[in-house]
Amino acid sequence: MKVTMLIHEAPEDVAARTDPARAPAYWGAWKAYADALAQTGFVQGGAGLQGPETATLIHGDRVLDGPYSETREQLGGYFTLEVPDLETAKAWAARCPAAALGTIELRPHLVMMG
């Protein structure tokens, strides 16, 4: 089954990426997690995302430059996984560094009909 893991982080956790005092721990945790996940062979793709201030939203015929997030969490990145079942995806989502303070959303991919 193909699933995308959407990683939502609090703004202060996203800010840790560039904070000289916090960046080593932030990136160290992510490197360890990404390396372990990559060793499973489940990873099909993924990326960290820049902050919402870089966002551009297209709504109908309007183009709006960000940020527009009305939530306390920001989409920080994603992994696309090919896993045997949803339980495996849940187990890896629980290990994600952002799971301790943020939210990990798992979305199975839509299987197109026809």
C-alpha atoms as a PDB file:
ATOM      1  CA  MET A   1       0.000   0.000   0.000  1.00  0.00           C
ATOM      2  CA  LYS A   2       1.206   3.493  -0.810  1.00  0.00           C
ATOM      3  CA  VAL A   3       0.818   6.123   1.885  1.00  0.00           C
ATOM      4  CA  THR A   4       2.053   9.682   2.349  1.00  0.00           C
ATOM      5  CA  MET A   5       3.179  10.742   5.800  1.00  0.00           C
ATOM      6  CA  LEU A   6       2.515  14.477   6.256  1.00  0.00           C
ATOM      7  CA  ILE A   7       4.634  15.994   9.010  1.00  0.00           C
ATOM      8  CA  HIS A   8       3.064  18.924  10.874  1.00  0.00           C
ATOM      9  CA  GLU A   9       5.290  20.819  13.291  1.00  0.00           C
ATOM     10  CA  ALA A  10       4.772  23.769  15.634  1.00  0.00           C
ATOM     11  CA  PRO A  11       6.303  27.041  14.392  1.00  0.00           C
ATOM     12  CA  GLU A  12       8.872  26.979  17.206  1.00  0.00           C
ATOM     13  CA  ASP A  13       9.975  23.485  16.160  1.00  0.00           C
ATOM     14  CA  VAL A  14      10.328  24.586  12.530  1.00  0.00           C
ATOM     15  CA  ALA A  15      12.392  27.539  13.794  1.00  0.00           C
ATOM     16  CA  ALA A  16      14.798  25.052  15.418  1.00  0.00           C
ATOM     17  CA  ARG A  17      16.041  24.209  11.918  1.00  0.00           C
ATOM     18  CA  THR A  18      18.056  27.442  11.778  1.00  0.00           C
ATOM     19  CA  ASP A  19      18.583  28.213  15.485  1.00  0.00           C
ATOM     20  CA  PRO A  20      22.315  27.684  16.145  1.00  0.00           C
ATOM     21  CA  ALA A  21      21.615  26.353  19.643  1.00  0.00           C
ATOM     22  CA  ARG A  22      18.847  23.936  18.610  1.00  0.00           C
ATOM     23  CA  ALA A  23      19.683  22.974  15.015  1.00  0.00           C
ATOM     24  CA  PRO A  24      22.203  20.208  15.821  1.00  0.00           C
ATOM     25  CA  ALA A  25      19.693  18.277  17.957  1.00  0.00           C
ATOM     26  CA  TYR A  26      16.857  18.910  15.489  1.00  0.00           C
ATOM     27  CA  TRP A  27      18.815  17.743  12.449  1.00  0.00           C
ATOM     28  CA  GLY A  28      20.481  14.897  14.360  1.00  0.00           C
ATOM     29  CA  ALA A  29      17.100  13.399  15.278  1.00  0.00           C
ATOM     30  CA  TRP A  30      15.832  13.776  11.711  1.00  0.00           C
ATOM     31  CA  LYS A  31      18.966  12.233  10.175  1.00  0.00           C
ATOM     32  CA  ALA A  32      18.739   9.202  12.462  1.00  0.00           C
ATOM     33  CA  TYR A  33      15.045   8.738  11.668  1.00  0.00           C
ATOM     34  CA  ALA A  34      15.421   9.230   7.904  1.00  0.00           C
ATOM     35  CA  ASP A  35      18.400   6.853   7.775  1.00  0.00           C
ATOM     36  CA  ALA A  36      16.503   4.150   9.684  1.00  0.00           C
ATOM     37  CA  LEU A  37      13.414   4.594   7.528  1.00  0.00           C
ATOM     38  CA  ALA A  38      15.488   4.496   4.320  1.00  0.00           C
ATOM     39  CA  GLN A  39      17.039   1.184   5.387  1.00  0.00           C
ATOM     40  CA  THR A  40      13.563  -0.412   5.334  1.00  0.00           C
ATOM     41  CA  GLY A  41      13.197   0.158   1.606  1.00  0.00           C
ATOM     42  CA  PHE A  42       9.724   1.675   2.185  1.00  0.00           C
ATOM     43  CA  VAL A  43      10.651   5.222   1.139  1.00  0.00           C
ATOM     44  CA  GLN A  44       9.445   6.162  -2.338  1.00  0.00           C
ATOM     45  CA  GLY A  45      10.168   9.875  -1.960  1.00  0.00           C
ATOM     46  CA  GLY A  46       9.804  12.837   0.294  1.00  0.00           C
ATOM     47  CA  ALA A  47      11.132  16.250   1.183  1.00  0.00           C
ATOM     48  CA  GLY A  48      11.358  18.815   3.895  1.00  0.00           C
ATOM     49  CA  LEU A  49       9.429  21.957   3.044  1.00  0.00           C
ATOM     50  CA  GLN A  50      10.329  25.593   3.528  1.00  0.00           C
ATOM     51  CA  GLY A  51       8.179  27.608   5.945  1.00  0.00           C
ATOM     52  CA  PRO A  52       4.677  28.885   5.167  1.00  0.00           C
ATOM     53  CA  GLU A  53       6.042  32.375   4.523  1.00  0.00           C
ATOM     54  CA  THR A  54       7.295  30.971   1.191  1.00  0.00           C
ATOM     55  CA  ALA A  55       3.896  29.533   0.216  1.00  0.00           C
ATOM     56  CA  THR A  56       1.880  30.566  -2.807  1.00  0.00           C
ATOM     57  CA  LEU A  57      -1.797  29.664  -2.831  1.00  0.00           C
ATOM     58  CA  ILE A  58      -3.876  29.453  -5.990  1.00  0.00           C
ATOM     59  CA  HIS A  59      -7.574  29.940  -5.315  1.00  0.00           C
ATOM     60  CA  GLY A  60      -9.652  30.163  -8.448  1.00  0.00           C
ATOM     61  CA  ASP A  61      -8.186  33.031 -10.432  1.00  0.00           C
ATOM     62  CA  ARG A  62      -6.393  34.558  -7.432  1.00  0.00           C
ATOM     63  CA  VAL A  63      -2.746  33.999  -6.566  1.00  0.00           C
ATOM     64  CA  LEU A  64      -1.835  34.723  -2.944  1.00  0.00           C
ATOM     65  CA  ASP A  65       1.651  34.745  -1.451  1.00  0.00           C
ATOM     66  CA  GLY A  66       1.908  33.258   2.080  1.00  0.00           C
ATOM     67  CA  PRO A  67       1.838  32.761   4.922  1.00  0.00           C
ATOM     68  CA  TYR A  68      -1.797  31.789   5.327  1.00  0.00           C
ATOM     69  CA  SER A  69      -1.698  28.995   7.839  1.00  0.00           C
ATOM     70  CA  GLU A  70      -4.403  29.549  10.478  1.00  0.00           C
ATOM     71  CA  THR A  71      -3.203  26.622  12.525  1.00  0.00           C
ATOM     72  CA  ARG A  72      -0.667  26.284  15.294  1.00  0.00           C
ATOM     73  CA  GLU A  73       1.180  23.672  13.236  1.00  0.00           C
ATOM     74  CA  GLN A  74       2.862  23.963   9.872  1.00  0.00           C
ATOM     75  CA  LEU A  75       3.401  21.358   7.192  1.00  0.00           C
ATOM     76  CA  GLY A  76       7.129  20.761   7.509  1.00  0.00           C
ATOM     77  CA  GLY A  77       7.630  17.905   5.082  1.00  0.00           C
ATOM     78  CA  TYR A  78       6.501  14.509   3.903  1.00  0.00           C
ATOM     79  CA  PHE A  79       7.549  10.987   3.047  1.00  0.00           C
ATOM     80  CA  THR A  80       5.859   8.796   0.476  1.00  0.00           C
ATOM     81  CA  LEU A  81       6.052   5.172   1.569  1.00  0.00           C
ATOM     82  CA  GLU A  82       5.261   1.796   0.036  1.00  0.00           C
ATOM     83  CA  VAL A  83       4.443  -0.371   3.049  1.00  0.00           C
ATOM     84  CA  PRO A  84       2.840  -3.799   3.518  1.00  0.00           C
ATOM     85  CA  ASP A  85      -0.061  -2.366   5.549  1.00  0.00           C
ATOM     86  CA  LEU A  86      -1.327   0.647   7.471  1.00  0.00           C
ATOM     87  CA  GLU A  87      -0.049  -0.764  10.772  1.00  0.00           C
ATOM     88  CA  THR A  88       3.521  -0.587   9.455  1.00  0.00           C
ATOM     89  CA  ALA A  89       2.986   3.028   8.395  1.00  0.00           C
ATOM     90  CA  LYS A  90       1.566   3.850  11.843  1.00  0.00           C
ATOM     91  CA  ALA A  91       4.569   2.308  13.565  1.00  0.00           C
ATOM     92  CA  TRP A  92       6.993   4.423  11.515  1.00  0.00           C
ATOM     93  CA  ALA A  93       4.884   7.566  11.976  1.00  0.00           C
ATOM     94  CA  ALA A  94       5.048   7.067  15.753  1.00  0.00           C
ATOM     95  CA  ARG A  95       8.870   7.002  15.571  1.00  0.00           C
ATOM     96  CA  CYS A  96       9.041  10.288  13.627  1.00  0.00           C
ATOM     97  CA  PRO A  97      10.841  13.073  15.550  1.00  0.00           C
ATOM     98  CA  ALA A  98       7.887  15.423  15.018  1.00  0.00           C
ATOM     99  CA  ALA A  99       5.413  12.947  16.536  1.00  0.00           C
ATOM    100  CA  ALA A 100       6.442  13.908  20.082  1.00  0.00           C
ATOM    101  CA  LEU A 101       5.299  17.526  19.740  1.00  0.00           C
ATOM    102  CA  GLY A 102       3.533  17.801  16.383  1.00  0.00           C
ATOM    103  CA  THR A 103       1.120  15.754  14.328  1.00  0.00           C
ATOM    104  CA  ILE A 104       1.862  13.068  11.772  1.00  0.00           C
ATOM    105  CA  GLU A 105      -0.922  12.537   9.257  1.00  0.00           C
ATOM    106  CA  LEU A 106      -1.017   9.341   7.215  1.00  0.00           C
ATOM    107  CA  ARG A 107      -2.933   9.442   3.959  1.00  0.00           C
ATOM    108  CA  PRO A 108      -3.320   6.297   1.845  1.00  0.00           C
ATOM    109  CA  HIS A 109      -2.992   7.054  -1.854  1.00  0.00           C
ATOM    110  CA  LEU A 110      -6.151   7.020  -3.905  1.00  0.00           C
ATOM    111  CA  VAL A 111      -6.372   4.129  -6.324  1.00  0.00           C
ATOM    112  CA  MET A 112      -7.772   5.536  -9.555  1.00  0.00           C
ATOM    113  CA  MET A 113     -10.705   3.695 -11.083  1.00  0.00           C
ATOM    114  CA  GLY A 114     -10.946   2.950 -14.791  1.00  0.00           C
END
